Amino acid sequence: MLRIIFGETEDVYYGPSWFKYNYDTEWLKDDFVQKMIEDVDKSHYVDGEYIESDVLGPITPVNLSGGLMTLISIYKNPEMVFDATSCGGNCAKWLIEMGRKQDVTINLKYLMKFKDYEPFDIFIVNDGKEIHTNKEYVGAAIEYV
């Protein structure tokens, strides 16, 4: 399940910085990671550290967008809490999908839009409530962001 902590909190990692110094090239071989690369950054994993970007041409993993680096970090390290504030709206569906596959906890400091992915299962850590609709999500988030 996707778990969200809204607002300031301790022991949270900033995804892009953490990824740059800790990623494993093996992560890029994962089908789910490759789907995120294609959808979020319009790029394609080729081999090793070689990624082909439709916009930038050949790039390495550290040239991926901050949001995508954060998504990969969350997915490959579900026991850690990452600040997903660097993730834009194009990351929302992937956070929901991750939550369907495994328990992940993120920190958010803005109202990310999940309305296109209803019904969903999100647990708001701040108030201990499980929510399933955008109306419930906005009602919970507005108190903290």
N, C-alpha and C. Protein backbone atom coordinates (compact mmCIF):
# COMPACT_ATOMS: atom_id res chain seq x y z
N MET A 1 0.84 -1.17 0.00
CA MET A 1 0.00 0.00 0.00
C MET A 1 0.89 1.24 0.00
N LEU A 2 0.43 2.28 -0.67
CA LEU A 2 1.11 3.57 -0.65
C LEU A 2 0.76 4.28 0.65
N ARG A 3 1.81 4.65 1.38
CA ARG A 3 1.65 5.39 2.64
C ARG A 3 2.26 6.77 2.43
N ILE A 4 1.51 7.82 2.85
CA ILE A 4 1.97 9.19 2.66
C ILE A 4 2.09 9.90 4.00
N ILE A 5 3.23 10.55 4.19
CA ILE A 5 3.44 11.45 5.32
C ILE A 5 3.47 12.86 4.72
N PHE A 6 2.50 13.69 5.08
CA PHE A 6 2.46 15.06 4.58
C PHE A 6 3.27 16.00 5.46
N GLY A 7 3.89 17.01 4.85
CA GLY A 7 4.60 18.04 5.59
C GLY A 7 6.01 17.63 5.97
N GLU A 8 6.59 18.43 6.84
CA GLU A 8 7.96 18.18 7.29
C GLU A 8 8.01 16.95 8.20
N THR A 9 9.03 16.15 8.02
CA THR A 9 9.25 14.97 8.85
C THR A 9 10.74 14.64 8.84
N GLU A 10 11.16 13.83 9.77
CA GLU A 10 12.58 13.48 9.88
C GLU A 10 12.87 12.16 9.16
N ASP A 11 14.15 11.91 8.96
CA ASP A 11 14.63 10.65 8.37
C ASP A 11 14.05 10.39 6.99
N VAL A 12 14.03 11.43 6.17
CA VAL A 12 13.53 11.33 4.80
C VAL A 12 14.69 11.61 3.85
N TYR A 13 14.74 10.84 2.78
CA TYR A 13 15.81 10.99 1.80
C TYR A 13 15.32 11.78 0.59
N TYR A 14 16.20 12.62 0.05
CA TYR A 14 15.92 13.35 -1.18
C TYR A 14 16.31 12.45 -2.35
N GLY A 15 15.32 12.00 -3.09
CA GLY A 15 15.50 10.97 -4.12
C GLY A 15 16.61 11.20 -5.12
N PRO A 16 16.63 12.36 -5.81
CA PRO A 16 17.67 12.54 -6.83
C PRO A 16 19.10 12.43 -6.29
N SER A 17 19.36 13.06 -5.16
CA SER A 17 20.72 13.00 -4.59
C SER A 17 21.05 11.58 -4.13
N TRP A 18 20.10 10.94 -3.47
CA TRP A 18 20.34 9.59 -2.98
C TRP A 18 20.62 8.65 -4.15
N PHE A 19 19.80 8.75 -5.19
CA PHE A 19 19.94 7.90 -6.37
C PHE A 19 21.32 8.05 -7.00
N LYS A 20 21.77 9.27 -7.20
CA LYS A 20 23.04 9.52 -7.89
C LYS A 20 24.21 8.80 -7.24
N TYR A 21 24.17 8.63 -5.93
CA TYR A 21 25.29 8.02 -5.23
C TYR A 21 25.06 6.57 -4.82
N ASN A 22 23.85 6.06 -5.05
CA ASN A 22 23.53 4.72 -4.54
C ASN A 22 22.87 3.77 -5.53
N TYR A 23 22.54 4.22 -6.73
CA TYR A 23 21.80 3.34 -7.64
C TYR A 23 22.65 2.15 -8.05
N ASP A 24 21.96 1.11 -8.46
CA ASP A 24 22.59 -0.11 -8.95
C ASP A 24 22.13 -0.30 -10.39
N THR A 25 23.04 -0.49 -11.32
CA THR A 25 22.64 -0.64 -12.72
C THR A 25 21.71 -1.83 -12.93
N GLU A 26 21.75 -2.80 -12.02
CA GLU A 26 20.84 -3.95 -12.12
C GLU A 26 19.38 -3.50 -12.01
N TRP A 27 19.12 -2.41 -11.30
CA TRP A 27 17.75 -1.91 -11.15
C TRP A 27 17.13 -1.59 -12.50
N LEU A 28 17.95 -1.14 -13.44
CA LEU A 28 17.46 -0.70 -14.74
C LEU A 28 16.95 -1.86 -15.59
N LYS A 29 17.33 -3.07 -15.25
CA LYS A 29 16.89 -4.26 -15.99
C LYS A 29 15.49 -4.70 -15.60
N ASP A 30 14.96 -4.16 -14.52
CA ASP A 30 13.63 -4.50 -14.01
C ASP A 30 12.56 -3.97 -14.97
N ASP A 31 11.61 -4.83 -15.35
CA ASP A 31 10.55 -4.43 -16.30
C ASP A 31 9.75 -3.23 -15.80
N PHE A 32 9.42 -3.21 -14.52
CA PHE A 32 8.64 -2.11 -13.95
C PHE A 32 9.43 -0.81 -14.05
N VAL A 33 10.71 -0.85 -13.75
CA VAL A 33 11.57 0.33 -13.85
C VAL A 33 11.64 0.80 -15.30
N GLN A 34 11.76 -0.12 -16.23
CA GLN A 34 11.83 0.26 -17.65
C GLN A 34 10.53 0.92 -18.11
N LYS A 35 9.40 0.45 -17.63
CA LYS A 35 8.12 1.08 -17.97
C LYS A 35 8.06 2.51 -17.43
N MET A 36 8.58 2.72 -16.21
CA MET A 36 8.60 4.07 -15.65
C MET A 36 9.53 4.97 -16.47
N ILE A 37 10.68 4.46 -16.88
CA ILE A 37 11.63 5.23 -17.68
C ILE A 37 10.97 5.68 -18.98
N GLU A 38 10.26 4.76 -19.63
CA GLU A 38 9.61 5.07 -20.90
C GLU A 38 8.48 6.08 -20.72
N ASP A 39 7.69 5.91 -19.68
CA ASP A 39 6.54 6.78 -19.48
C ASP A 39 6.92 8.16 -18.95
N VAL A 40 7.73 8.20 -17.93
CA VAL A 40 8.03 9.47 -17.26
C VAL A 40 9.02 10.32 -18.06
N ASP A 41 10.10 9.71 -18.53
CA ASP A 41 11.15 10.47 -19.22
C ASP A 41 11.18 10.27 -20.73
N LYS A 42 10.25 9.50 -21.27
CA LYS A 42 10.24 9.24 -22.71
C LYS A 42 11.62 8.76 -23.19
N SER A 43 12.17 7.84 -22.41
CA SER A 43 13.49 7.28 -22.70
C SER A 43 13.41 5.76 -22.68
N HIS A 44 14.45 5.12 -23.17
CA HIS A 44 14.44 3.66 -23.30
C HIS A 44 15.75 3.09 -22.79
N TYR A 45 15.65 2.14 -21.87
CA TYR A 45 16.84 1.46 -21.37
C TYR A 45 17.40 0.57 -22.47
N VAL A 46 18.70 0.67 -22.71
CA VAL A 46 19.35 -0.13 -23.73
C VAL A 46 20.16 -1.25 -23.09
N ASP A 47 21.17 -0.89 -22.28
CA ASP A 47 22.02 -1.89 -21.64
C ASP A 47 22.98 -1.18 -20.68
N GLY A 48 23.36 -1.87 -19.62
CA GLY A 48 24.31 -1.30 -18.67
C GLY A 48 23.83 0.04 -18.14
N GLU A 49 24.61 1.08 -18.41
CA GLU A 49 24.23 2.43 -18.00
C GLU A 49 23.76 3.27 -19.18
N TYR A 50 23.49 2.61 -20.30
CA TYR A 50 23.09 3.31 -21.52
C TYR A 50 21.57 3.38 -21.61
N ILE A 51 21.07 4.62 -21.63
CA ILE A 51 19.65 4.91 -21.80
C ILE A 51 19.53 5.84 -22.99
N GLU A 52 18.59 5.59 -23.86
CA GLU A 52 18.37 6.44 -25.03
C GLU A 52 17.17 7.34 -24.76
N SER A 53 17.42 8.64 -24.73
CA SER A 53 16.37 9.63 -24.48
C SER A 53 15.86 10.19 -25.80
N ASP A 54 14.54 10.26 -25.95
CA ASP A 54 13.96 10.85 -27.16
C ASP A 54 14.34 12.32 -27.29
N VAL A 55 14.62 12.97 -26.17
CA VAL A 55 14.92 14.40 -26.16
C VAL A 55 16.42 14.67 -26.15
N LEU A 56 17.16 13.96 -25.30
CA LEU A 56 18.58 14.26 -25.07
C LEU A 56 19.55 13.35 -25.81
N GLY A 57 19.06 12.27 -26.39
CA GLY A 57 19.95 11.29 -27.01
C GLY A 57 20.47 10.33 -25.95
N PRO A 58 21.71 9.83 -26.10
CA PRO A 58 22.25 8.87 -25.13
C PRO A 58 22.51 9.55 -23.78
N ILE A 59 22.03 8.93 -22.71
CA ILE A 59 22.24 9.45 -21.35
C ILE A 59 22.58 8.30 -20.41
N THR A 60 23.06 8.66 -19.23
CA THR A 60 23.31 7.69 -18.17
C THR A 60 22.21 7.83 -17.12
N PRO A 61 22.12 6.91 -16.18
CA PRO A 61 21.07 7.00 -15.16
C PRO A 61 21.05 8.31 -14.37
N VAL A 62 22.21 8.93 -14.15
CA VAL A 62 22.23 10.18 -13.38
C VAL A 62 21.67 11.36 -14.16
N ASN A 63 21.37 11.16 -15.46
CA ASN A 63 20.75 12.20 -16.27
C ASN A 63 19.24 12.05 -16.37
N LEU A 64 18.68 11.05 -15.70
CA LEU A 64 17.23 10.91 -15.67
C LEU A 64 16.64 12.07 -14.87
N SER A 65 15.35 12.31 -15.03
CA SER A 65 14.70 13.39 -14.29
C SER A 65 14.71 13.10 -12.79
N GLY A 66 14.64 14.16 -12.00
CA GLY A 66 14.61 14.01 -10.54
C GLY A 66 13.44 13.18 -10.08
N GLY A 67 12.29 13.37 -10.71
CA GLY A 67 11.11 12.58 -10.34
C GLY A 67 11.31 11.11 -10.59
N LEU A 68 11.89 10.78 -11.74
CA LEU A 68 12.12 9.37 -12.08
C LEU A 68 13.17 8.75 -11.16
N MET A 69 14.24 9.49 -10.86
CA MET A 69 15.24 8.96 -9.93
C MET A 69 14.60 8.68 -8.57
N THR A 70 13.68 9.54 -8.16
CA THR A 70 12.99 9.33 -6.89
C THR A 70 12.09 8.10 -6.96
N LEU A 71 11.33 7.96 -8.05
CA LEU A 71 10.47 6.78 -8.21
C LEU A 71 11.27 5.48 -8.14
N ILE A 72 12.37 5.43 -8.85
CA ILE A 72 13.19 4.21 -8.85
C ILE A 72 13.73 3.95 -7.45
N SER A 73 14.17 5.00 -6.77
CA SER A 73 14.69 4.85 -5.41
C SER A 73 13.62 4.31 -4.47
N ILE A 74 12.41 4.82 -4.58
CA ILE A 74 11.29 4.35 -3.74
C ILE A 74 11.02 2.88 -4.02
N TYR A 75 10.91 2.54 -5.30
CA TYR A 75 10.55 1.18 -5.70
C TYR A 75 11.61 0.15 -5.27
N LYS A 76 12.86 0.51 -5.41
CA LYS A 76 13.93 -0.44 -5.11
C LYS A 76 14.33 -0.45 -3.63
N ASN A 77 13.81 0.49 -2.86
CA ASN A 77 14.14 0.59 -1.43
C ASN A 77 12.88 0.87 -0.63
N PRO A 78 11.91 -0.03 -0.64
CA PRO A 78 10.61 0.25 -0.01
C PRO A 78 10.68 0.47 1.50
N GLU A 79 11.77 0.08 2.12
CA GLU A 79 11.91 0.26 3.57
C GLU A 79 12.34 1.68 3.92
N MET A 80 12.75 2.46 2.92
CA MET A 80 13.20 3.83 3.14
C MET A 80 12.08 4.81 2.82
N VAL A 81 12.13 5.99 3.40
CA VAL A 81 11.14 7.04 3.13
C VAL A 81 11.82 8.12 2.30
N PHE A 82 11.27 8.37 1.11
CA PHE A 82 11.81 9.38 0.21
C PHE A 82 10.83 10.54 0.10
N ASP A 83 11.39 11.74 -0.07
CA ASP A 83 10.58 12.93 -0.31
C ASP A 83 10.16 12.90 -1.77
N ALA A 84 8.88 12.68 -2.01
CA ALA A 84 8.37 12.59 -3.38
C ALA A 84 7.91 13.94 -3.91
N THR A 85 8.26 15.01 -3.20
CA THR A 85 7.89 16.34 -3.65
C THR A 85 8.56 16.67 -4.97
N SER A 86 9.69 16.05 -5.27
CA SER A 86 10.36 16.27 -6.55
C SER A 86 9.65 15.55 -7.70
N CYS A 87 8.67 14.74 -7.39
CA CYS A 87 7.91 14.02 -8.40
C CYS A 87 6.75 14.89 -8.90
N GLY A 88 6.64 15.03 -10.19
CA GLY A 88 5.54 15.78 -10.77
C GLY A 88 4.31 14.90 -10.95
N GLY A 89 3.30 15.47 -11.56
CA GLY A 89 2.05 14.76 -11.79
C GLY A 89 2.20 13.49 -12.61
N ASN A 90 3.21 13.44 -13.49
CA ASN A 90 3.41 12.24 -14.30
C ASN A 90 3.96 11.06 -13.49
N CYS A 91 4.24 11.28 -12.22
CA CYS A 91 4.72 10.21 -11.35
C CYS A 91 3.60 9.60 -10.51
N ALA A 92 2.46 10.28 -10.43
CA ALA A 92 1.37 9.86 -9.53
C ALA A 92 0.91 8.43 -9.80
N LYS A 93 0.68 8.10 -11.07
CA LYS A 93 0.18 6.76 -11.37
C LYS A 93 1.19 5.69 -10.96
N TRP A 94 2.48 6.01 -11.05
CA TRP A 94 3.51 5.03 -10.70
C TRP A 94 3.59 4.83 -9.20
N LEU A 95 3.32 5.87 -8.43
CA LEU A 95 3.27 5.72 -6.97
C LEU A 95 2.09 4.82 -6.59
N ILE A 96 0.95 5.03 -7.24
CA ILE A 96 -0.23 4.18 -6.99
C ILE A 96 0.09 2.74 -7.36
N GLU A 97 0.72 2.53 -8.53
CA GLU A 97 1.07 1.18 -8.97
C GLU A 97 2.05 0.51 -8.00
N MET A 98 3.03 1.27 -7.53
CA MET A 98 3.98 0.72 -6.56
C MET A 98 3.24 0.26 -5.31
N GLY A 99 2.30 1.08 -4.85
CA GLY A 99 1.53 0.75 -3.66
C GLY A 99 0.68 -0.50 -3.84
N ARG A 100 0.33 -0.80 -5.07
CA ARG A 100 -0.43 -2.03 -5.35
C ARG A 100 0.49 -3.26 -5.32
N LYS A 101 1.77 -3.05 -5.57
CA LYS A 101 2.74 -4.14 -5.62
C LYS A 101 3.40 -4.42 -4.27
N GLN A 102 3.61 -3.34 -3.48
CA GLN A 102 4.35 -3.47 -2.22
C GLN A 102 4.05 -2.26 -1.33
N ASP A 103 4.39 -2.37 -0.07
CA ASP A 103 4.23 -1.24 0.85
C ASP A 103 5.38 -0.27 0.65
N VAL A 104 5.04 0.99 0.36
CA VAL A 104 6.03 2.05 0.24
C VAL A 104 5.52 3.28 0.99
N THR A 105 6.44 4.01 1.58
CA THR A 105 6.09 5.23 2.31
C THR A 105 6.83 6.40 1.69
N ILE A 106 6.09 7.47 1.41
CA ILE A 106 6.68 8.68 0.84
C ILE A 106 6.33 9.88 1.69
N ASN A 107 7.08 10.93 1.49
CA ASN A 107 6.80 12.22 2.11
C ASN A 107 6.38 13.17 0.99
N LEU A 108 5.30 13.92 1.20
CA LEU A 108 4.83 14.91 0.22
C LEU A 108 4.63 16.24 0.91
N LYS A 109 4.97 17.31 0.18
CA LYS A 109 4.77 18.65 0.69
C LYS A 109 3.86 19.45 -0.23
N TYR A 110 3.16 18.76 -1.11
CA TYR A 110 2.18 19.42 -1.97
C TYR A 110 1.06 18.42 -2.28
N LEU A 111 0.01 18.92 -2.85
CA LEU A 111 -1.17 18.10 -3.15
C LEU A 111 -0.99 17.46 -4.53
N MET A 112 -0.37 16.29 -4.56
CA MET A 112 -0.20 15.55 -5.81
C MET A 112 -1.57 15.08 -6.28
N LYS A 113 -1.79 15.10 -7.58
CA LYS A 113 -3.10 14.73 -8.12
C LYS A 113 -3.18 13.23 -8.40
N PHE A 114 -4.07 12.57 -7.67
CA PHE A 114 -4.31 11.13 -7.84
C PHE A 114 -5.70 10.84 -8.41
N LYS A 115 -6.49 11.87 -8.72
CA LYS A 115 -7.90 11.66 -9.07
C LYS A 115 -8.11 10.75 -10.28
N ASP A 116 -7.17 10.72 -11.20
CA ASP A 116 -7.34 9.88 -12.39
C ASP A 116 -7.12 8.39 -12.12
N TYR A 117 -6.75 8.06 -10.89
CA TYR A 117 -6.38 6.67 -10.57
C TYR A 117 -7.30 6.05 -9.52
N GLU A 118 -8.48 6.64 -9.33
CA GLU A 118 -9.46 6.09 -8.39
C GLU A 118 -10.03 4.79 -8.94
N PRO A 119 -10.44 3.89 -8.09
CA PRO A 119 -10.19 3.90 -6.65
C PRO A 119 -8.75 3.48 -6.37
N PHE A 120 -8.22 3.96 -5.27
CA PHE A 120 -6.86 3.63 -4.88
C PHE A 120 -6.84 3.34 -3.39
N ASP A 121 -5.75 2.78 -2.95
CA ASP A 121 -5.55 2.50 -1.52
C ASP A 121 -4.34 3.30 -1.06
N ILE A 122 -4.61 4.32 -0.25
CA ILE A 122 -3.56 5.16 0.31
C ILE A 122 -3.78 5.25 1.81
N PHE A 123 -2.71 5.13 2.56
CA PHE A 123 -2.78 5.29 4.01
C PHE A 123 -2.10 6.61 4.36
N ILE A 124 -2.84 7.51 5.00
CA ILE A 124 -2.29 8.79 5.43
C ILE A 124 -1.70 8.60 6.83
N VAL A 125 -0.39 8.63 6.92
CA VAL A 125 0.30 8.37 8.18
C VAL A 125 -0.04 9.44 9.22
N ASN A 126 -0.16 10.69 8.79
CA ASN A 126 -0.41 11.80 9.72
C ASN A 126 -1.63 11.58 10.60
N ASP A 127 -2.71 11.04 10.00
CA ASP A 127 -3.94 10.85 10.79
C ASP A 127 -4.36 9.39 10.93
N GLY A 128 -3.56 8.47 10.36
CA GLY A 128 -3.83 7.05 10.52
C GLY A 128 -5.05 6.55 9.78
N LYS A 129 -5.42 7.24 8.67
CA LYS A 129 -6.62 6.84 7.92
C LYS A 129 -6.26 6.26 6.55
N GLU A 130 -7.02 5.25 6.17
CA GLU A 130 -6.91 4.68 4.84
C GLU A 130 -7.97 5.34 3.97
N ILE A 131 -7.57 5.77 2.78
CA ILE A 131 -8.50 6.46 1.89
C ILE A 131 -8.51 5.77 0.52
N HIS A 132 -9.61 6.03 -0.23
CA HIS A 132 -9.78 5.34 -1.50
C HIS A 132 -10.27 6.23 -2.63
N THR A 133 -10.63 7.47 -2.31
CA THR A 133 -11.15 8.39 -3.33
C THR A 133 -10.39 9.71 -3.29
N ASN A 134 -10.48 10.45 -4.38
CA ASN A 134 -9.82 11.74 -4.45
C ASN A 134 -10.40 12.71 -3.42
N LYS A 135 -11.70 12.65 -3.20
CA LYS A 135 -12.33 13.53 -2.21
C LYS A 135 -11.75 13.27 -0.82
N GLU A 136 -11.59 12.01 -0.46
CA GLU A 136 -10.99 11.67 0.84
C GLU A 136 -9.53 12.13 0.89
N TYR A 137 -8.83 11.95 -0.21
CA TYR A 137 -7.42 12.34 -0.28
C TYR A 137 -7.25 13.84 -0.09
N VAL A 138 -8.02 14.62 -0.83
CA VAL A 138 -7.91 16.08 -0.72
C VAL A 138 -8.28 16.54 0.68
N GLY A 139 -9.33 15.95 1.25
CA GLY A 139 -9.74 16.30 2.61
C GLY A 139 -8.65 16.04 3.63
N ALA A 140 -7.93 14.94 3.45
CA ALA A 140 -6.84 14.61 4.38
C ALA A 140 -5.61 15.48 4.13
N ALA A 141 -5.26 15.65 2.88
CA ALA A 141 -4.03 16.37 2.53
C ALA A 141 -4.10 17.85 2.86
N ILE A 142 -5.25 18.44 2.68
CA ILE A 142 -5.40 19.89 2.85
C ILE A 142 -5.06 20.34 4.28
N GLU A 143 -5.19 19.44 5.22
CA GLU A 143 -4.86 19.77 6.61
C GLU A 143 -3.36 19.91 6.83
N TYR A 144 -2.56 19.30 5.98
CA TYR A 144 -1.12 19.20 6.23
C TYR A 144 -0.23 19.92 5.23
N VAL A 145 -0.76 20.27 4.06
CA VAL A 145 0.09 20.95 3.06
C VAL A 145 -0.35 22.38 2.84
